[in-house]
Amino acid sequence: MLQYHLPGLRNILFRDGDNLDNVLDMARHRISMLTAWFQVNVDDPEAKQYTYAEFLMYYVWNQSSKKWTRRQQRACIGRLPFLNPNSGGRYCLRMLLTIVRGATCYDDLRTFHGTLFPTVREACCARGLVSDNSEWDGALTE
C-alpha cells in the first residue's frame, strides 16, 4: 500500500524512553515512499510518465534502502489508502496523487496550468476535483 503525507506531517514511530532529539533528527532525514517518488521523478525520466497511484505497477519499494527500483518481475497494482472527503488536505493530496504525473515536489502537485496554488485543496478546486463550497456559503449567508 502506498503511503502519503502532507509536507511536515509524516507519521513517526518511536519507543517510550527514546531520546527526543534523536527521534526528531531521524524524522528530519527519513525518506518516505512519497518523497522517494519525487526523487525518482528527478533522476529517472521514464518514471515521470506515471502518477503516484500507478507507480507501484512499474517500480518496487525497497524498505531497507528506502528507494524505488524498477520492477523486474510481474506487475503489481498499487493502492492509496482511502480517506473520507472530510479529511481535508490529506484527501485533496490523495486526489492529486491519482492524476498528477511525474511530480518532483509538493509544489508540482499544487501547480495547474502554470499557477502554483497555496494549498492542495485550492489546486483540487482549480482542477474541478472538489467543490469550493461557495454555493453552501451563499445559501447560508442568504
C-alpha atoms as a PDB file:
ATOM      1  CA  MET A   1       0.000   0.000   0.000  1.00  0.00           C
ATOM      2  CA  LEU A   2       1.355   3.389  -0.984  1.00  0.00           C
ATOM      3  CA  GLN A   3       1.888   5.814   1.870  1.00  0.00           C
ATOM      4  CA  TYR A   4       1.467   9.560   1.524  1.00  0.00           C
ATOM      5  CA  HIS A   5       1.539  12.606   3.768  1.00  0.00           C
ATOM      6  CA  LEU A   6       1.331  16.356   3.639  1.00  0.00           C
ATOM      7  CA  PRO A   7       4.613  18.268   3.989  1.00  0.00           C
ATOM      8  CA  GLY A   8       5.913  18.127   7.546  1.00  0.00           C
ATOM      9  CA  LEU A   9       3.125  15.791   8.692  1.00  0.00           C
ATOM     10  CA  ARG A  10       4.783  12.410   8.370  1.00  0.00           C
ATOM     11  CA  ASN A  11       3.995   9.724  10.932  1.00  0.00           C
ATOM     12  CA  ILE A  12       6.949   8.807  13.147  1.00  0.00           C
ATOM     13  CA  LEU A  13       7.249   5.682  15.245  1.00  0.00           C
ATOM     14  CA  PHE A  14       9.360   5.677  18.391  1.00  0.00           C
ATOM     15  CA  ARG A  15       9.556   3.839  21.678  1.00  0.00           C
ATOM     16  CA  ASP A  16       8.895   5.174  25.120  1.00  0.00           C
ATOM     17  CA  GLY A  17      12.234   6.248  26.514  1.00  0.00           C
ATOM     18  CA  ASP A  18      13.821   7.124  23.139  1.00  0.00           C
ATOM     19  CA  ASN A  19      15.834  10.327  23.150  1.00  0.00           C
ATOM     20  CA  LEU A  20      13.543  13.017  21.708  1.00  0.00           C
ATOM     21  CA  ASP A  21      16.386  14.848  19.939  1.00  0.00           C
ATOM     22  CA  ASN A  22      17.404  11.612  18.195  1.00  0.00           C
ATOM     23  CA  VAL A  23      13.809  10.900  17.185  1.00  0.00           C
ATOM     24  CA  LEU A  24      13.377  14.376  15.700  1.00  0.00           C
ATOM     25  CA  ASP A  25      16.728  14.213  13.918  1.00  0.00           C
ATOM     26  CA  MET A  26      15.883  10.818  12.460  1.00  0.00           C
ATOM     27  CA  ALA A  27      12.485  12.110  11.303  1.00  0.00           C
ATOM     28  CA  ARG A  28      14.059  15.080   9.501  1.00  0.00           C
ATOM     29  CA  HIS A  29      16.308  12.813   7.451  1.00  0.00           C
ATOM     30  CA  ARG A  30      13.928   9.910   6.963  1.00  0.00           C
ATOM     31  CA  ILE A  31      12.834   9.261   3.419  1.00  0.00           C
ATOM     32  CA  SER A  32       9.211   8.313   2.830  1.00  0.00           C
ATOM     33  CA  MET A  33       7.696   6.493  -0.132  1.00  0.00           C
ATOM     34  CA  LEU A  34       6.282   9.783  -1.375  1.00  0.00           C
ATOM     35  CA  THR A  35       9.474  11.833  -1.056  1.00  0.00           C
ATOM     36  CA  ALA A  36      11.421   8.990  -2.696  1.00  0.00           C
ATOM     37  CA  TRP A  37       8.886   9.076  -5.573  1.00  0.00           C
ATOM     38  CA  PHE A  38       9.641  12.772  -6.003  1.00  0.00           C
ATOM     39  CA  GLN A  39      13.359  11.932  -6.200  1.00  0.00           C
ATOM     40  CA  VAL A  40      12.862   9.097  -8.726  1.00  0.00           C
ATOM     41  CA  ASN A  41      10.964  11.532 -10.935  1.00  0.00           C
ATOM     42  CA  VAL A  42      14.010  13.819 -10.824  1.00  0.00           C
ATOM     43  CA  ASP A  43      16.512  11.025 -11.547  1.00  0.00           C
ATOM     44  CA  ASP A  44      14.627   8.757 -13.978  1.00  0.00           C
ATOM     45  CA  PRO A  45      12.901  10.365 -16.987  1.00  0.00           C
ATOM     46  CA  GLU A  46      10.883   7.185 -17.581  1.00  0.00           C
ATOM     47  CA  ALA A  47       9.312   7.431 -14.129  1.00  0.00           C
ATOM     48  CA  LYS A  48       7.792  10.845 -14.889  1.00  0.00           C
ATOM     49  CA  GLN A  49       5.081   9.270 -17.048  1.00  0.00           C
ATOM     50  CA  TYR A  50       3.355   7.673 -14.040  1.00  0.00           C
ATOM     51  CA  THR A  51       1.140   9.021 -11.308  1.00  0.00           C
ATOM     52  CA  TYR A  52       1.956   8.004  -7.765  1.00  0.00           C
ATOM     53  CA  ALA A  53      -1.061   5.679  -7.827  1.00  0.00           C
ATOM     54  CA  GLU A  54       0.276   3.936 -10.991  1.00  0.00           C
ATOM     55  CA  PHE A  55       3.876   3.869  -9.834  1.00  0.00           C
ATOM     56  CA  LEU A  56       3.721   0.550  -7.979  1.00  0.00           C
ATOM     57  CA  MET A  57       2.928  -1.245 -11.252  1.00  0.00           C
ATOM     58  CA  TYR A  58       6.405  -0.388 -12.593  1.00  0.00           C
ATOM     59  CA  TYR A  59       8.581   0.167  -9.521  1.00  0.00           C
ATOM     60  CA  VAL A  60       9.084  -1.661  -6.251  1.00  0.00           C
ATOM     61  CA  TRP A  61       9.782  -0.108  -2.830  1.00  0.00           C
ATOM     62  CA  ASN A  62      12.863  -1.393  -1.022  1.00  0.00           C
ATOM     63  CA  GLN A  63      12.165  -0.813   2.664  1.00  0.00           C
ATOM     64  CA  SER A  64      15.756  -1.294   3.835  1.00  0.00           C
ATOM     65  CA  SER A  65      17.353   1.147   1.378  1.00  0.00           C
ATOM     66  CA  LYS A  66      14.310   3.480   1.252  1.00  0.00           C
ATOM     67  CA  LYS A  67      14.472   3.588  -2.561  1.00  0.00           C
ATOM     68  CA  TRP A  68      12.279   2.777  -5.523  1.00  0.00           C
ATOM     69  CA  THR A  69      13.761   0.439  -8.138  1.00  0.00           C
ATOM     70  CA  ARG A  70      12.355  -0.697 -11.445  1.00  0.00           C
ATOM     71  CA  ARG A  71      10.181  -3.760 -11.139  1.00  0.00           C
ATOM     72  CA  GLN A  72      11.848  -6.808 -12.727  1.00  0.00           C
ATOM     73  CA  GLN A  73       9.031  -9.319 -12.433  1.00  0.00           C
ATOM     74  CA  ARG A  74       5.263  -9.219 -12.548  1.00  0.00           C
ATOM     75  CA  ALA A  75       3.284  -6.032 -12.268  1.00  0.00           C
ATOM     76  CA  CYS A  76       1.575  -5.113  -9.027  1.00  0.00           C
ATOM     77  CA  ILE A  77      -1.456  -2.931  -8.503  1.00  0.00           C
ATOM     78  CA  GLY A  78      -0.889  -0.140  -6.001  1.00  0.00           C
ATOM     79  CA  ARG A  79      -3.454   1.319  -3.659  1.00  0.00           C
ATOM     80  CA  LEU A  80      -3.677   4.613  -1.904  1.00  0.00           C
ATOM     81  CA  PRO A  81      -5.394   4.226   1.463  1.00  0.00           C
ATOM     82  CA  PHE A  82      -8.967   5.515   1.471  1.00  0.00           C
ATOM     83  CA  LEU A  83      -9.701   8.799   3.173  1.00  0.00           C
ATOM     84  CA  ASN A  84     -13.022  10.385   3.911  1.00  0.00           C
ATOM     85  CA  PRO A  85     -13.575  13.648   1.990  1.00  0.00           C
ATOM     86  CA  ASN A  86     -13.855  15.346   5.389  1.00  0.00           C
ATOM     87  CA  SER A  87     -10.124  14.667   5.895  1.00  0.00           C
ATOM     88  CA  GLY A  88      -9.319  18.000   4.271  1.00  0.00           C
ATOM     89  CA  GLY A  89      -5.830  18.430   2.859  1.00  0.00           C
ATOM     90  CA  ARG A  90      -4.895  14.751   3.024  1.00  0.00           C
ATOM     91  CA  TYR A  91      -7.960  13.855   0.936  1.00  0.00           C
ATOM     92  CA  CYS A  92      -7.042  16.501  -1.634  1.00  0.00           C
ATOM     93  CA  LEU A  93      -3.440  15.273  -1.699  1.00  0.00           C
ATOM     94  CA  ARG A  94      -4.731  11.759  -2.391  1.00  0.00           C
ATOM     95  CA  MET A  95      -6.839  13.074  -5.282  1.00  0.00           C
ATOM     96  CA  LEU A  96      -3.848  14.874  -6.802  1.00  0.00           C
ATOM     97  CA  LEU A  97      -1.632  11.794  -6.471  1.00  0.00           C
ATOM     98  CA  THR A  98      -4.051   9.903  -8.712  1.00  0.00           C
ATOM     99  CA  ILE A  99      -3.832  12.362 -11.618  1.00  0.00           C
ATOM    100  CA  VAL A 100      -0.561  14.353 -11.491  1.00  0.00           C
ATOM    101  CA  ARG A 101       2.250  12.622 -13.368  1.00  0.00           C
ATOM    102  CA  GLY A 102       5.946  12.972 -12.603  1.00  0.00           C
ATOM    103  CA  ALA A 103       5.794  15.402  -9.694  1.00  0.00           C
ATOM    104  CA  THR A 104       9.214  16.207  -8.236  1.00  0.00           C
ATOM    105  CA  CYS A 105       7.961  18.101  -5.174  1.00  0.00           C
ATOM    106  CA  TYR A 106       4.790  19.195  -3.425  1.00  0.00           C
ATOM    107  CA  ASP A 107       4.757  22.396  -5.482  1.00  0.00           C
ATOM    108  CA  ASP A 108       4.341  20.312  -8.656  1.00  0.00           C
ATOM    109  CA  LEU A 109       1.231  18.746  -7.152  1.00  0.00           C
ATOM    110  CA  ARG A 110      -0.187  22.190  -6.357  1.00  0.00           C
ATOM    111  CA  THR A 111       0.540  23.625  -9.813  1.00  0.00           C
ATOM    112  CA  PHE A 112      -2.165  23.672 -12.501  1.00  0.00           C
ATOM    113  CA  HIS A 113      -1.911  25.475 -15.853  1.00  0.00           C
ATOM    114  CA  GLY A 114       1.196  27.305 -14.655  1.00  0.00           C
ATOM    115  CA  THR A 115      -0.383  28.583 -11.445  1.00  0.00           C
ATOM    116  CA  LEU A 116       1.012  27.463  -8.088  1.00  0.00           C
ATOM    117  CA  PHE A 117      -1.868  27.279  -5.630  1.00  0.00           C
ATOM    118  CA  PRO A 118      -1.208  27.891  -1.918  1.00  0.00           C
ATOM    119  CA  THR A 119      -2.888  24.657  -0.791  1.00  0.00           C
ATOM    120  CA  VAL A 120      -3.670  21.226  -2.202  1.00  0.00           C
ATOM    121  CA  ARG A 121      -7.373  21.988  -1.665  1.00  0.00           C
ATOM    122  CA  GLU A 122      -7.198  25.058  -3.893  1.00  0.00           C
ATOM    123  CA  ALA A 123      -5.312  23.039  -6.517  1.00  0.00           C
ATOM    124  CA  CYS A 124      -8.058  20.398  -6.410  1.00  0.00           C
ATOM    125  CA  CYS A 125     -10.738  23.082  -6.777  1.00  0.00           C
ATOM    126  CA  ALA A 126      -8.941  24.534  -9.802  1.00  0.00           C
ATOM    127  CA  ARG A 127      -8.839  21.080 -11.404  1.00  0.00           C
ATOM    128  CA  GLY A 128     -12.520  20.506 -10.647  1.00  0.00           C
ATOM    129  CA  LEU A 129     -11.809  17.558  -8.351  1.00  0.00           C
ATOM    130  CA  VAL A 130     -13.615  19.052  -5.356  1.00  0.00           C
ATOM    131  CA  SER A 131     -16.014  21.952  -4.991  1.00  0.00           C
ATOM    132  CA  ASP A 132     -15.071  25.123  -3.189  1.00  0.00           C
ATOM    133  CA  ASN A 133     -18.283  25.145  -1.100  1.00  0.00           C
ATOM    134  CA  SER A 134     -19.156  28.652  -2.341  1.00  0.00           C
ATOM    135  CA  GLU A 135     -22.714  27.543  -3.126  1.00  0.00           C
ATOM    136  CA  TRP A 136     -23.131  26.452   0.515  1.00  0.00           C
ATOM    137  CA  ASP A 137     -21.615  29.685   1.830  1.00  0.00           C
ATOM    138  CA  GLY A 138     -24.015  31.690  -0.335  1.00  0.00           C
ATOM    139  CA  ALA A 139     -27.012  29.665   0.777  1.00  0.00           C
ATOM    140  CA  LEU A 140     -26.120  30.025   4.458  1.00  0.00           C
ATOM    141  CA  THR A 141     -25.456  33.742   4.074  1.00  0.00           C
ATOM    142  CA  GLU A 142     -28.826  34.198   2.363  1.00  0.00           C
END
